[in-house]
């Protein structure tokens, strides 16, 4: 078997699946991530502008599944706030819900579910 790597042409859906375990790991540890930190983990470089569509898939999937806004724990390093497109009105309160949620007990979103979210919202 050959190990498959994510590459620059990997779709947003695949990248969202890549981001999922990073985000739930941070949530489990009660950590806030900056966009730069997430970009370095996923791409081995900062990735301004690239993460919006990827995180959007996760954000809207969480909203549709009535889960805390997992992506609220990813923030701008200067403002300490999630991006404007993250669907949450009270980010600090939402972050506390994210930290308290038992993310490891649920299945990660599937490729089909994220593809449906993309066609619905993005």
PDB file of N, CA and C in Angstrom:
ATOM      1  N   UNK A   1       0.842  -1.171   0.000  1.00  0.00           N
ATOM      2  CA  UNK A   1       0.000   0.000   0.000  1.00  0.00           C
ATOM      3  C   UNK A   1       0.895   1.243   0.000  1.00  0.00           C
ATOM      4  N   UNK A   2       0.462   2.259  -0.711  1.00  0.00           N
ATOM      5  CA  UNK A   2       1.202   3.510  -0.789  1.00  0.00           C
ATOM      6  C   UNK A   2       0.516   4.565   0.060  1.00  0.00           C
ATOM      7  N   UNK A   3       1.282   5.245   0.882  1.00  0.00           N
ATOM      8  CA  UNK A   3       0.740   6.331   1.698  1.00  0.00           C
ATOM      9  C   UNK A   3       0.395   7.493   0.783  1.00  0.00           C
ATOM     10  N   UNK A   4      -0.813   8.012   0.950  1.00  0.00           N
ATOM     11  CA  UNK A   4      -1.236   9.153   0.143  1.00  0.00           C
ATOM     12  C   UNK A   4      -1.050  10.430   0.940  1.00  0.00           C
ATOM     13  N   UNK A   5      -0.508  11.427   0.305  1.00  0.00           N
ATOM     14  CA  UNK A   5      -0.288  12.722   0.931  1.00  0.00           C
ATOM     15  C   UNK A   5      -1.272  13.741   0.383  1.00  0.00           C
ATOM     16  N   UNK A   6      -1.623  14.714   1.201  1.00  0.00           N
ATOM     17  CA  UNK A   6      -2.380  15.854   0.694  1.00  0.00           C
ATOM     18  C   UNK A   6      -1.423  16.666  -0.159  1.00  0.00           C
ATOM     19  N   UNK A   7      -1.935  17.261  -1.215  1.00  0.00           N
ATOM     20  CA  UNK A   7      -1.089  18.060  -2.092  1.00  0.00           C
ATOM     21  C   UNK A   7      -1.808  19.357  -2.437  1.00  0.00           C
ATOM     22  N   UNK A   8      -1.122  20.274  -3.099  1.00  0.00           N
ATOM     23  CA  UNK A   8      -1.740  21.565  -3.399  1.00  0.00           C
ATOM     24  C   UNK A   8      -3.054  21.471  -4.176  1.00  0.00           C
ATOM     25  N   UNK A   9      -3.263  20.395  -4.898  1.00  0.00           N
ATOM     26  CA  UNK A   9      -4.499  20.283  -5.669  1.00  0.00           C
ATOM     27  C   UNK A   9      -5.590  19.497  -4.937  1.00  0.00           C
ATOM     28  N   UNK A  10      -5.345  19.111  -3.678  1.00  0.00           N
ATOM     29  CA  UNK A  10      -6.387  18.433  -2.902  1.00  0.00           C
ATOM     30  C   UNK A  10      -7.597  19.357  -2.767  1.00  0.00           C
ATOM     31  N   UNK A  11      -8.787  18.788  -2.877  1.00  0.00           N
ATOM     32  CA  UNK A  11     -10.012  19.577  -2.832  1.00  0.00           C
ATOM     33  C   UNK A  11     -10.265  20.148  -1.438  1.00  0.00           C
ATOM     34  N   UNK A  12     -11.134  21.148  -1.374  1.00  0.00           N
ATOM     35  CA  UNK A  12     -11.534  21.712  -0.082  1.00  0.00           C
ATOM     36  C   UNK A  12     -12.137  20.643   0.808  1.00  0.00           C
ATOM     37  N   UNK A  13     -12.895  19.734   0.212  1.00  0.00           N
ATOM     38  CA  UNK A  13     -13.526  18.664   0.979  1.00  0.00           C
ATOM     39  C   UNK A  13     -12.464  17.793   1.640  1.00  0.00           C
ATOM     40  N   UNK A  14     -11.458  17.379   0.873  1.00  0.00           N
ATOM     41  CA  UNK A  14     -10.383  16.566   1.454  1.00  0.00           C
ATOM     42  C   UNK A  14      -9.601  17.353   2.492  1.00  0.00           C
ATOM     43  N   UNK A  15      -9.387  18.623   2.234  1.00  0.00           N
ATOM     44  CA  UNK A  15      -8.669  19.461   3.201  1.00  0.00           C
ATOM     45  C   UNK A  15      -9.487  19.649   4.476  1.00  0.00           C
ATOM     46  N   UNK A  16     -10.810  19.719   4.354  1.00  0.00           N
ATOM     47  CA  UNK A  16     -11.663  19.810   5.545  1.00  0.00           C
ATOM     48  C   UNK A  16     -11.542  18.520   6.363  1.00  0.00           C
ATOM     49  N   UNK A  17     -11.474  17.393   5.688  1.00  0.00           N
ATOM     50  CA  UNK A  17     -11.275  16.129   6.392  1.00  0.00           C
ATOM     51  C   UNK A  17      -9.895  16.093   7.051  1.00  0.00           C
ATOM     52  N   UNK A  18      -8.923  16.722   6.443  1.00  0.00           N
ATOM     53  CA  UNK A  18      -7.592  16.816   7.045  1.00  0.00           C
ATOM     54  C   UNK A  18      -7.638  17.713   8.286  1.00  0.00           C
ATOM     55  N   UNK A  19      -8.371  18.813   8.206  1.00  0.00           N
ATOM     56  CA  UNK A  19      -8.442  19.769   9.315  1.00  0.00           C
ATOM     57  C   UNK A  19      -9.207  19.210  10.510  1.00  0.00           C
ATOM     58  N   UNK A  20     -10.192  18.347  10.259  1.00  0.00           N
ATOM     59  CA  UNK A  20     -11.057  17.852  11.327  1.00  0.00           C
ATOM     60  C   UNK A  20     -10.286  17.303  12.536  1.00  0.00           C
ATOM     61  N   UNK A  21      -9.381  16.339  12.371  1.00  0.00           N
ATOM     62  CA  UNK A  21      -8.700  15.810  13.554  1.00  0.00           C
ATOM     63  C   UNK A  21      -7.790  16.838  14.236  1.00  0.00           C
ATOM     64  N   UNK A  22      -7.272  17.778  13.480  1.00  0.00           N
ATOM     65  CA  UNK A  22      -6.454  18.837  14.072  1.00  0.00           C
ATOM     66  C   UNK A  22      -7.331  19.687  14.996  1.00  0.00           C
ATOM     67  N   UNK A  23      -8.517  20.036  14.495  1.00  0.00           N
ATOM     68  CA  UNK A  23      -9.421  20.881  15.269  1.00  0.00           C
ATOM     69  C   UNK A  23      -9.970  20.163  16.495  1.00  0.00           C
ATOM     70  N   UNK A  24     -10.374  18.906  16.346  1.00  0.00           N
ATOM     71  CA  UNK A  24     -10.943  18.242  17.524  1.00  0.00           C
ATOM     72  C   UNK A  24      -9.846  17.932  18.553  1.00  0.00           C
ATOM     73  N   UNK A  25      -8.634  17.727  18.092  1.00  0.00           N
ATOM     74  CA  UNK A  25      -7.521  17.548  19.028  1.00  0.00           C
ATOM     75  C   UNK A  25      -7.295  18.812  19.837  1.00  0.00           C
ATOM     76  N   UNK A  26      -7.295  19.953  19.170  1.00  0.00           N
ATOM     77  CA  UNK A  26      -7.128  21.230  19.865  1.00  0.00           C
ATOM     78  C   UNK A  26      -8.294  21.469  20.819  1.00  0.00           C
ATOM     79  N   UNK A  27      -9.498  21.169  20.372  1.00  0.00           N
ATOM     80  CA  UNK A  27     -10.679  21.352  21.218  1.00  0.00           C
ATOM     81  C   UNK A  27     -10.578  20.479  22.470  1.00  0.00           C
ATOM     82  N   UNK A  28     -10.155  19.255  22.279  1.00  0.00           N
ATOM     83  CA  UNK A  28     -10.014  18.321  23.406  1.00  0.00           C
ATOM     84  C   UNK A  28      -9.009  18.852  24.442  1.00  0.00           C
ATOM     85  N   UNK A  29      -7.976  19.515  23.965  1.00  0.00           N
ATOM     86  CA  UNK A  29      -6.950  20.075  24.854  1.00  0.00           C
ATOM     87  C   UNK A  29      -7.299  21.479  25.356  1.00  0.00           C
ATOM     88  N   UNK A  30      -8.421  22.038  24.872  1.00  0.00           N
ATOM     89  CA  UNK A  30      -8.819  23.389  25.274  1.00  0.00           C
ATOM     90  C   UNK A  30      -7.951  24.463  24.661  1.00  0.00           C
ATOM     91  N   UNK A  31      -7.455  24.222  23.463  1.00  0.00           N
ATOM     92  CA  UNK A  31      -6.529  25.149  22.802  1.00  0.00           C
ATOM     93  C   UNK A  31      -7.212  25.968  21.710  1.00  0.00           C
ATOM     94  N   UNK A  32      -6.786  27.198  21.620  1.00  0.00           N
ATOM     95  CA  UNK A  32      -7.140  28.078  20.509  1.00  0.00           C
ATOM     96  C   UNK A  32      -6.009  27.983  19.494  1.00  0.00           C
ATOM     97  N   UNK A  33      -6.345  27.904  18.218  1.00  0.00           N
ATOM     98  CA  UNK A  33      -5.353  27.897  17.140  1.00  0.00           C
ATOM     99  C   UNK A  33      -5.466  29.190  16.350  1.00  0.00           C
ATOM    100  N   UNK A  34      -4.352  29.694  15.878  1.00  0.00           N
ATOM    101  CA  UNK A  34      -4.420  30.810  14.934  1.00  0.00           C
ATOM    102  C   UNK A  34      -4.502  30.231  13.532  1.00  0.00           C
ATOM    103  N   UNK A  35      -4.946  31.064  12.604  1.00  0.00           N
ATOM    104  CA  UNK A  35      -4.989  30.630  11.212  1.00  0.00           C
ATOM    105  C   UNK A  35      -3.592  30.234  10.738  1.00  0.00           C
ATOM    106  N   UNK A  36      -2.590  30.995  11.176  1.00  0.00           N
ATOM    107  CA  UNK A  36      -1.213  30.664  10.784  1.00  0.00           C
ATOM    108  C   UNK A  36      -0.791  29.300  11.328  1.00  0.00           C
ATOM    109  N   UNK A  37      -1.129  29.016  12.589  1.00  0.00           N
ATOM    110  CA  UNK A  37      -0.775  27.714  13.167  1.00  0.00           C
ATOM    111  C   UNK A  37      -1.452  26.571  12.424  1.00  0.00           C
ATOM    112  N   UNK A  38      -2.724  26.752  12.117  1.00  0.00           N
ATOM    113  CA  UNK A  38      -3.436  25.713  11.376  1.00  0.00           C
ATOM    114  C   UNK A  38      -2.842  25.548   9.979  1.00  0.00           C
ATOM    115  N   UNK A  39      -2.539  26.659   9.333  1.00  0.00           N
ATOM    116  CA  UNK A  39      -1.923  26.603   8.007  1.00  0.00           C
ATOM    117  C   UNK A  39      -0.580  25.896   8.036  1.00  0.00           C
ATOM    118  N   UNK A  40       0.238  26.191   9.032  1.00  0.00           N
ATOM    119  CA  UNK A  40       1.539  25.529   9.148  1.00  0.00           C
ATOM    120  C   UNK A  40       1.377  24.025   9.363  1.00  0.00           C
ATOM    121  N   UNK A  41       0.387  23.636  10.152  1.00  0.00           N
ATOM    122  CA  UNK A  41       0.147  22.215  10.389  1.00  0.00           C
ATOM    123  C   UNK A  41      -0.328  21.526   9.115  1.00  0.00           C
ATOM    124  N   UNK A  42      -1.237  22.163   8.398  1.00  0.00           N
ATOM    125  CA  UNK A  42      -1.835  21.525   7.218  1.00  0.00           C
ATOM    126  C   UNK A  42      -0.976  21.640   5.961  1.00  0.00           C
ATOM    127  N   UNK A  43      -0.302  22.768   5.794  1.00  0.00           N
ATOM    128  CA  UNK A  43       0.394  23.051   4.533  1.00  0.00           C
ATOM    129  C   UNK A  43       1.897  23.243   4.693  1.00  0.00           C
ATOM    130  N   UNK A  44       2.374  23.220   5.931  1.00  0.00           N
ATOM    131  CA  UNK A  44       3.762  23.520   6.254  1.00  0.00           C
ATOM    132  C   UNK A  44       4.171  24.922   5.833  1.00  0.00           C
ATOM    133  N   UNK A  45       3.190  25.821   5.767  1.00  0.00           N
ATOM    134  CA  UNK A  45       3.423  27.243   5.508  1.00  0.00           C
ATOM    135  C   UNK A  45       2.148  27.980   5.885  1.00  0.00           C
ATOM    136  N   UNK A  46       2.266  29.273   6.120  1.00  0.00           N
ATOM    137  CA  UNK A  46       1.057  30.035   6.402  1.00  0.00           C
ATOM    138  C   UNK A  46       0.228  30.063   5.121  1.00  0.00           C
ATOM    139  N   UNK A  47      -1.037  30.187   5.282  1.00  0.00           N
ATOM    140  CA  UNK A  47      -1.910  30.039   4.108  1.00  0.00           C
ATOM    141  C   UNK A  47      -3.081  31.014   4.167  1.00  0.00           C
ATOM    142  N   UNK A  48      -2.747  32.288   4.213  1.00  0.00           N
ATOM    143  CA  UNK A  48      -3.777  33.317   4.270  1.00  0.00           C
ATOM    144  C   UNK A  48      -4.752  33.163   3.104  1.00  0.00           C
ATOM    145  N   UNK A  49      -6.024  33.214   3.412  1.00  0.00           N
ATOM    146  CA  UNK A  49      -7.044  33.152   2.383  1.00  0.00           C
ATOM    147  C   UNK A  49      -7.451  31.748   1.955  1.00  0.00           C
ATOM    148  N   UNK A  50      -6.623  30.763   2.218  1.00  0.00           N
ATOM    149  CA  UNK A  50      -6.906  29.399   1.765  1.00  0.00           C
ATOM    150  C   UNK A  50      -7.848  28.678   2.720  1.00  0.00           C
ATOM    151  N   UNK A  51      -7.773  28.997   3.990  1.00  0.00           N
ATOM    152  CA  UNK A  51      -8.512  28.249   4.992  1.00  0.00           C
ATOM    153  C   UNK A  51     -10.003  28.590   5.045  1.00  0.00           C
ATOM    154  N   UNK A  52     -10.410  29.717   4.516  1.00  0.00           N
ATOM    155  CA  UNK A  52     -11.814  30.141   4.626  1.00  0.00           C
ATOM    156  C   UNK A  52     -12.777  29.085   4.078  1.00  0.00           C
ATOM    157  N   UNK A  53     -12.546  28.617   2.884  1.00  0.00           N
ATOM    158  CA  UNK A  53     -13.439  27.625   2.288  1.00  0.00           C
ATOM    159  C   UNK A  53     -13.384  26.281   2.992  1.00  0.00           C
ATOM    160  N   UNK A  54     -12.212  25.927   3.463  1.00  0.00           N
ATOM    161  CA  UNK A  54     -12.029  24.656   4.176  1.00  0.00           C
ATOM    162  C   UNK A  54     -12.767  24.700   5.511  1.00  0.00           C
ATOM    163  N   UNK A  55     -12.535  25.758   6.278  1.00  0.00           N
ATOM    164  CA  UNK A  55     -13.193  25.890   7.573  1.00  0.00           C
ATOM    165  C   UNK A  55     -14.690  26.133   7.414  1.00  0.00           C
ATOM    166  N   UNK A  56     -15.076  26.774   6.327  1.00  0.00           N
ATOM    167  CA  UNK A  56     -16.495  27.004   6.064  1.00  0.00           C
ATOM    168  C   UNK A  56     -17.271  25.697   5.960  1.00  0.00           C
ATOM    169  N   UNK A  57     -16.677  24.709   5.321  1.00  0.00           N
ATOM    170  CA  UNK A  57     -17.337  23.404   5.215  1.00  0.00           C
ATOM    171  C   UNK A  57     -17.600  22.806   6.588  1.00  0.00           C
ATOM    172  N   UNK A  58     -16.595  22.877   7.445  1.00  0.00           N
ATOM    173  CA  UNK A  58     -16.745  22.331   8.805  1.00  0.00           C
ATOM    174  C   UNK A  58     -17.742  23.156   9.600  1.00  0.00           C
ATOM    175  N   UNK A  59     -17.673  24.470   9.480  1.00  0.00           N
ATOM    176  CA  UNK A  59     -18.574  25.352  10.228  1.00  0.00           C
ATOM    177  C   UNK A  59     -20.030  25.085   9.867  1.00  0.00           C
ATOM    178  N   UNK A  60     -20.319  24.996   8.578  1.00  0.00           N
ATOM    179  CA  UNK A  60     -21.705  24.775   8.169  1.00  0.00           C
ATOM    180  C   UNK A  60     -22.167  23.360   8.463  1.00  0.00           C
ATOM    181  N   UNK A  61     -21.267  22.380   8.410  1.00  0.00           N
ATOM    182  CA  UNK A  61     -21.639  21.014   8.788  1.00  0.00           C
ATOM    183  C   UNK A  61     -22.003  20.980  10.270  1.00  0.00           C
ATOM    184  N   UNK A  62     -21.190  21.621  11.100  1.00  0.00           N
ATOM    185  CA  UNK A  62     -21.491  21.675  12.535  1.00  0.00           C
ATOM    186  C   UNK A  62     -22.835  22.358  12.770  1.00  0.00           C
ATOM    187  N   UNK A  63     -23.083  23.438  12.076  1.00  0.00           N
ATOM    188  CA  UNK A  63     -24.356  24.147  12.245  1.00  0.00           C
ATOM    189  C   UNK A  63     -25.524  23.259  11.853  1.00  0.00           C
ATOM    190  N   UNK A  64     -25.410  22.591  10.722  1.00  0.00           N
ATOM    191  CA  UNK A  64     -26.492  21.720  10.259  1.00  0.00           C
ATOM    192  C   UNK A  64     -26.728  20.537  11.192  1.00  0.00           C
ATOM    193  N   UNK A  65     -25.679  20.093  11.872  1.00  0.00           N
ATOM    194  CA  UNK A  65     -25.780  18.957  12.794  1.00  0.00           C
ATOM    195  C   UNK A  65     -26.054  19.404  14.234  1.00  0.00           C
ATOM    196  N   UNK A  66     -26.283  20.694  14.409  1.00  0.00           N
ATOM    197  CA  UNK A  66     -26.574  21.276  15.724  1.00  0.00           C
ATOM    198  C   UNK A  66     -25.454  20.998  16.731  1.00  0.00           C
ATOM    199  N   UNK A  67     -24.221  21.173  16.265  1.00  0.00           N
ATOM    200  CA  UNK A  67     -23.025  21.002  17.094  1.00  0.00           C
ATOM    201  C   UNK A  67     -22.418  22.365  17.392  1.00  0.00           C
ATOM    202  N   UNK A  68     -21.619  22.475  18.430  1.00  0.00           N
ATOM    203  CA  UNK A  68     -20.905  23.737  18.658  1.00  0.00           C
ATOM    204  C   UNK A  68     -20.045  24.085  17.432  1.00  0.00           C
ATOM    205  N   UNK A  69     -19.807  25.361  17.254  1.00  0.00           N
ATOM    206  CA  UNK A  69     -19.048  25.844  16.098  1.00  0.00           C
ATOM    207  C   UNK A  69     -17.559  25.535  16.285  1.00  0.00           C
ATOM    208  N   UNK A  70     -17.153  24.340  15.877  1.00  0.00           N
ATOM    209  CA  UNK A  70     -15.779  23.869  16.058  1.00  0.00           C
ATOM    210  C   UNK A  70     -14.765  24.869  15.520  1.00  0.00           C
ATOM    211  N   UNK A  71     -15.072  25.501  14.419  1.00  0.00           N
ATOM    212  CA  UNK A  71     -14.115  26.413  13.798  1.00  0.00           C
ATOM    213  C   UNK A  71     -13.953  27.726  14.559  1.00  0.00           C
ATOM    214  N   UNK A  72     -14.767  27.938  15.597  1.00  0.00           N
ATOM    215  CA  UNK A  72     -14.621  29.164  16.390  1.00  0.00           C
ATOM    216  C   UNK A  72     -13.313  29.183  17.178  1.00  0.00           C
ATOM    217  N   UNK A  73     -12.643  28.030  17.282  1.00  0.00           N
ATOM    218  CA  UNK A  73     -11.370  28.000  18.019  1.00  0.00           C
ATOM    219  C   UNK A  73     -10.183  28.365  17.124  1.00  0.00           C
ATOM    220  N   UNK A  74     -10.457  28.686  15.872  1.00  0.00           N
ATOM    221  CA  UNK A  74      -9.402  29.161  14.961  1.00  0.00           C
ATOM    222  C   UNK A  74      -9.571  30.667  14.841  1.00  0.00           C
ATOM    223  N   UNK A  75      -8.520  31.396  15.214  1.00  0.00           N
ATOM    224  CA  UNK A  75      -8.640  32.845  15.328  1.00  0.00           C
ATOM    225  C   UNK A  75      -7.519  33.577  14.592  1.00  0.00           C
ATOM    226  N   UNK A  76      -7.779  34.831  14.334  1.00  0.00           N
ATOM    227  CA  UNK A  76      -6.789  35.740  13.772  1.00  0.00           C
ATOM    228  C   UNK A  76      -5.766  36.052  14.850  1.00  0.00           C
ATOM    229  N   UNK A  77      -4.496  35.978  14.536  1.00  0.00           N
ATOM    230  CA  UNK A  77      -3.447  36.188  15.546  1.00  0.00           C
ATOM    231  C   UNK A  77      -3.428  37.622  16.083  1.00  0.00           C
ATOM    232  N   UNK A  78      -3.910  38.583  15.314  1.00  0.00           N
ATOM    233  CA  UNK A  78      -3.904  39.975  15.764  1.00  0.00           C
ATOM    234  C   UNK A  78      -5.141  40.319  16.590  1.00  0.00           C
ATOM    235  N   UNK A  79      -6.295  39.842  16.161  1.00  0.00           N
ATOM    236  CA  UNK A  79      -7.542  40.210  16.840  1.00  0.00           C
ATOM    237  C   UNK A  79      -7.963  39.191  17.892  1.00  0.00           C
ATOM    238  N   UNK A  80      -7.481  37.955  17.780  1.00  0.00           N
ATOM    239  CA  UNK A  80      -7.907  36.901  18.678  1.00  0.00           C
ATOM    240  C   UNK A  80      -9.323  36.428  18.423  1.00  0.00           C
ATOM    241  N   UNK A  81      -9.882  36.811  17.279  1.00  0.00           N
ATOM    242  CA  UNK A  81     -11.268  36.485  16.952  1.00  0.00           C
ATOM    243  C   UNK A  81     -11.330  35.590  15.711  1.00  0.00           C
ATOM    244  N   UNK A  82     -12.373  34.745  15.635  1.00  0.00           N
ATOM    245  CA  UNK A  82     -12.580  33.953  14.418  1.00  0.00           C
ATOM    246  C   UNK A  82     -12.882  34.882  13.238  1.00  0.00           C
ATOM    247  N   UNK A  83     -12.745  34.369  12.041  1.00  0.00           N
ATOM    248  CA  UNK A  83     -13.040  35.152  10.843  1.00  0.00           C
ATOM    249  C   UNK A  83     -14.492  35.576  10.781  1.00  0.00           C
ATOM    250  N   UNK A  84     -14.757  36.616  10.028  1.00  0.00           N
ATOM    251  CA  UNK A  84     -16.102  37.182   9.946  1.00  0.00           C
ATOM    252  C   UNK A  84     -17.133  36.187   9.412  1.00  0.00           C
ATOM    253  N   UNK A  85     -16.719  35.249   8.592  1.00  0.00           N
ATOM    254  CA  UNK A  85     -17.662  34.312   8.003  1.00  0.00           C
ATOM    255  C   UNK A  85     -18.026  33.140   8.892  1.00  0.00           C
ATOM    256  N   UNK A  86     -17.422  33.036  10.062  1.00  0.00           N
ATOM    257  CA  UNK A  86     -17.719  31.915  10.954  1.00  0.00           C
ATOM    258  C   UNK A  86     -19.098  32.155  11.566  1.00  0.00           C
ATOM    259  N   UNK A  87     -20.017  31.198  11.386  1.00  0.00           N
ATOM    260  CA  UNK A  87     -21.396  31.427  11.828  1.00  0.00           C
ATOM    261  C   UNK A  87     -21.587  31.286  13.340  1.00  0.00           C
ATOM    262  N   UNK A  88     -21.134  32.281  14.068  1.00  0.00           N
ATOM    263  CA  UNK A  88     -21.377  32.331  15.514  1.00  0.00           C
ATOM    264  C   UNK A  88     -21.441  33.789  15.944  1.00  0.00           C
ATOM    265  N   UNK A  89     -22.386  34.091  16.810  1.00  0.00           N
ATOM    266  CA  UNK A  89     -22.564  35.469  17.266  1.00  0.00           C
ATOM    267  C   UNK A  89     -21.729  35.792  18.496  1.00  0.00           C
ATOM    268  N   UNK A  90     -21.456  34.789  19.328  1.00  0.00           N
ATOM    269  CA  UNK A  90     -20.705  34.995  20.565  1.00  0.00           C
ATOM    270  C   UNK A  90     -19.532  34.021  20.579  1.00  0.00           C
ATOM    271  N   UNK A  91     -18.428  34.393  19.915  1.00  0.00           N
ATOM    272  CA  UNK A  91     -17.328  33.437  19.746  1.00  0.00           C
ATOM    273  C   UNK A  91     -16.732  32.906  21.048  1.00  0.00           C
ATOM    274  N   UNK A  92     -16.575  33.735  22.058  1.00  0.00           N
ATOM    275  CA  UNK A  92     -15.952  33.254  23.304  1.00  0.00           C
ATOM    276  C   UNK A  92     -16.842  32.209  23.991  1.00  0.00           C
ATOM    277  N   UNK A  93     -18.132  32.463  24.029  1.00  0.00           N
ATOM    278  CA  UNK A  93     -19.065  31.496  24.620  1.00  0.00           C
ATOM    279  C   UNK A  93     -19.092  30.223  23.777  1.00  0.00           C
ATOM    280  N   UNK A  94     -19.023  30.387  22.476  1.00  0.00           N
ATOM    281  CA  UNK A  94     -19.033  29.224  21.586  1.00  0.00           C
ATOM    282  C   UNK A  94     -17.770  28.397  21.773  1.00  0.00           C
ATOM    283  N   UNK A  95     -16.639  29.053  21.955  1.00  0.00           N
ATOM    284  CA  UNK A  95     -15.387  28.326  22.194  1.00  0.00           C
ATOM    285  C   UNK A  95     -15.488  27.456  23.444  1.00  0.00           C
ATOM    286  N   UNK A  96     -16.139  27.953  24.479  1.00  0.00           N
ATOM    287  CA  UNK A  96     -16.300  27.161  25.693  1.00  0.00           C
ATOM    288  C   UNK A  96     -17.167  25.928  25.430  1.00  0.00           C
ATOM    289  N   UNK A  97     -18.186  26.075  24.588  1.00  0.00           N
ATOM    290  CA  UNK A  97     -19.013  24.923  24.202  1.00  0.00           C
ATOM    291  C   UNK A  97     -18.183  23.913  23.418  1.00  0.00           C
ATOM    292  N   UNK A  98     -17.325  24.431  22.537  1.00  0.00           N
ATOM    293  CA  UNK A  98     -16.450  23.557  21.743  1.00  0.00           C
ATOM    294  C   UNK A  98     -15.531  22.768  22.668  1.00  0.00           C
ATOM    295  N   UNK A  99     -14.939  23.437  23.647  1.00  0.00           N
ATOM    296  CA  UNK A  99     -14.021  22.763  24.569  1.00  0.00           C
ATOM    297  C   UNK A  99     -14.736  21.699  25.408  1.00  0.00           C
ATOM    298  N   UNK A 100     -15.993  21.926  25.726  1.00  0.00           N
ATOM    299  CA  UNK A 100     -16.745  20.995  26.579  1.00  0.00           C
ATOM    300  C   UNK A 100     -17.332  19.815  25.806  1.00  0.00           C
ATOM    301  N   UNK A 101     -17.442  19.950  24.493  1.00  0.00           N
ATOM    302  CA  UNK A 101     -18.097  18.907  23.696  1.00  0.00           C
ATOM    303  C   UNK A 101     -17.195  17.673  23.568  1.00  0.00           C
ATOM    304  N   UNK A 102     -17.780  16.508  23.517  1.00  0.00           N
ATOM    305  CA  UNK A 102     -17.051  15.236  23.409  1.00  0.00           C
ATOM    306  C   UNK A 102     -16.876  14.859  21.930  1.00  0.00           C
ATOM    307  N   UNK A 103     -15.978  15.543  21.251  1.00  0.00           N
ATOM    308  CA  UNK A 103     -15.790  15.391  19.806  1.00  0.00           C
ATOM    309  C   UNK A 103     -15.366  13.989  19.405  1.00  0.00           C
ATOM    310  N   UNK A 104     -14.627  13.308  20.241  1.00  0.00           N
ATOM    311  CA  UNK A 104     -14.138  11.984  19.871  1.00  0.00           C
ATOM    312  C   UNK A 104     -15.238  10.923  19.893  1.00  0.00           C
ATOM    313  N   UNK A 105     -16.430  11.271  20.361  1.00  0.00           N
ATOM    314  CA  UNK A 105     -17.526  10.310  20.396  1.00  0.00           C
ATOM    315  C   UNK A 105     -18.360  10.307  19.117  1.00  0.00           C
ATOM    316  N   UNK A 106     -18.115  11.271  18.234  1.00  0.00           N
ATOM    317  CA  UNK A 106     -18.918  11.338  17.009  1.00  0.00           C
ATOM    318  C   UNK A 106     -18.068  11.014  15.782  1.00  0.00           C
ATOM    319  N   UNK A 107     -18.748  10.572  14.738  1.00  0.00           N
ATOM    320  CA  UNK A 107     -18.072  10.330  13.469  1.00  0.00           C
ATOM    321  C   UNK A 107     -17.723  11.658  12.820  1.00  0.00           C
ATOM    322  N   UNK A 108     -16.579  11.703  12.191  1.00  0.00           N
ATOM    323  CA  UNK A 108     -16.178  12.882  11.429  1.00  0.00           C
ATOM    324  C   UNK A 108     -17.089  13.012  10.210  1.00  0.00           C
ATOM    325  N   UNK A 109     -17.255  14.215   9.689  1.00  0.00           N
ATOM    326  CA  UNK A 109     -18.077  14.365   8.485  1.00  0.00           C
ATOM    327  C   UNK A 109     -17.461  13.583   7.324  1.00  0.00           C
ATOM    328  N   UNK A 110     -18.324  12.955   6.549  1.00  0.00           N
ATOM    329  CA  UNK A 110     -17.861  12.168   5.407  1.00  0.00           C
ATOM    330  C   UNK A 110     -17.602  13.077   4.206  1.00  0.00           C
ATOM    331  N   UNK A 111     -16.938  12.523   3.226  1.00  0.00           N
ATOM    332  CA  UNK A 111     -16.695  13.266   1.983  1.00  0.00           C
ATOM    333  C   UNK A 111     -18.025  13.664   1.348  1.00  0.00           C
ATOM    334  N   UNK A 112     -18.986  12.746   1.342  1.00  0.00           N
ATOM    335  CA  UNK A 112     -20.297  13.039   0.753  1.00  0.00           C
ATOM    336  C   UNK A 112     -21.019  14.156   1.507  1.00  0.00           C
ATOM    337  N   UNK A 113     -20.954  14.118   2.843  1.00  0.00           N
ATOM    338  CA  UNK A 113     -21.612  15.161   3.637  1.00  0.00           C
ATOM    339  C   UNK A 113     -20.978  16.527   3.388  1.00  0.00           C
ATOM    340  N   UNK A 114     -19.669  16.571   3.324  1.00  0.00           N
ATOM    341  CA  UNK A 114     -18.986  17.843   3.088  1.00  0.00           C
ATOM    342  C   UNK A 114     -19.220  18.345   1.666  1.00  0.00           C
ATOM    343  N   UNK A 115     -19.308  17.434   0.719  1.00  0.00           N
ATOM    344  CA  UNK A 115     -19.615  17.825  -0.661  1.00  0.00           C
ATOM    345  C   UNK A 115     -21.009  18.435  -0.733  1.00  0.00           C
ATOM    346  N   UNK A 116     -21.949  17.847  -0.005  1.00  0.00           N
ATOM    347  CA  UNK A 116     -23.309  18.394   0.041  1.00  0.00           C
ATOM    348  C   UNK A 116     -23.318  19.782   0.670  1.00  0.00           C
ATOM    349  N   UNK A 117     -22.547  19.955   1.740  1.00  0.00           N
ATOM    350  CA  UNK A 117     -22.437  21.270   2.384  1.00  0.00           C
ATOM    351  C   UNK A 117     -21.875  22.285   1.391  1.00  0.00           C
ATOM    352  N   UNK A 118     -20.866  21.890   0.648  1.00  0.00           N
ATOM    353  CA  UNK A 118     -20.253  22.800  -0.331  1.00  0.00           C
ATOM    354  C   UNK A 118     -21.280  23.250  -1.367  1.00  0.00           C
ATOM    355  N   UNK A 119     -22.096  22.316  -1.836  1.00  0.00           N
ATOM    356  CA  UNK A 119     -23.080  22.676  -2.867  1.00  0.00           C
ATOM    357  C   UNK A 119     -24.210  23.519  -2.285  1.00  0.00           C
ATOM    358  N   UNK A 120     -24.456  23.372  -1.004  1.00  0.00           N
ATOM    359  CA  UNK A 120     -25.537  24.068  -0.329  1.00  0.00           C
ATOM    360  C   UNK A 120     -25.173  25.509   0.066  1.00  0.00           C
ATOM    361  N   UNK A 121     -23.942  25.675   0.571  1.00  0.00           N
ATOM    362  CA  UNK A 121     -23.565  26.963   1.176  1.00  0.00           C
ATOM    363  C   UNK A 121     -22.423  27.707   0.495  1.00  0.00           C
ATOM    364  N   UNK A 122     -21.513  26.990  -0.136  1.00  0.00           N
ATOM    365  CA  UNK A 122     -20.314  27.671  -0.638  1.00  0.00           C
ATOM    366  C   UNK A 122     -20.242  27.711  -2.149  1.00  0.00           C
TER     367      UNK A 122
END
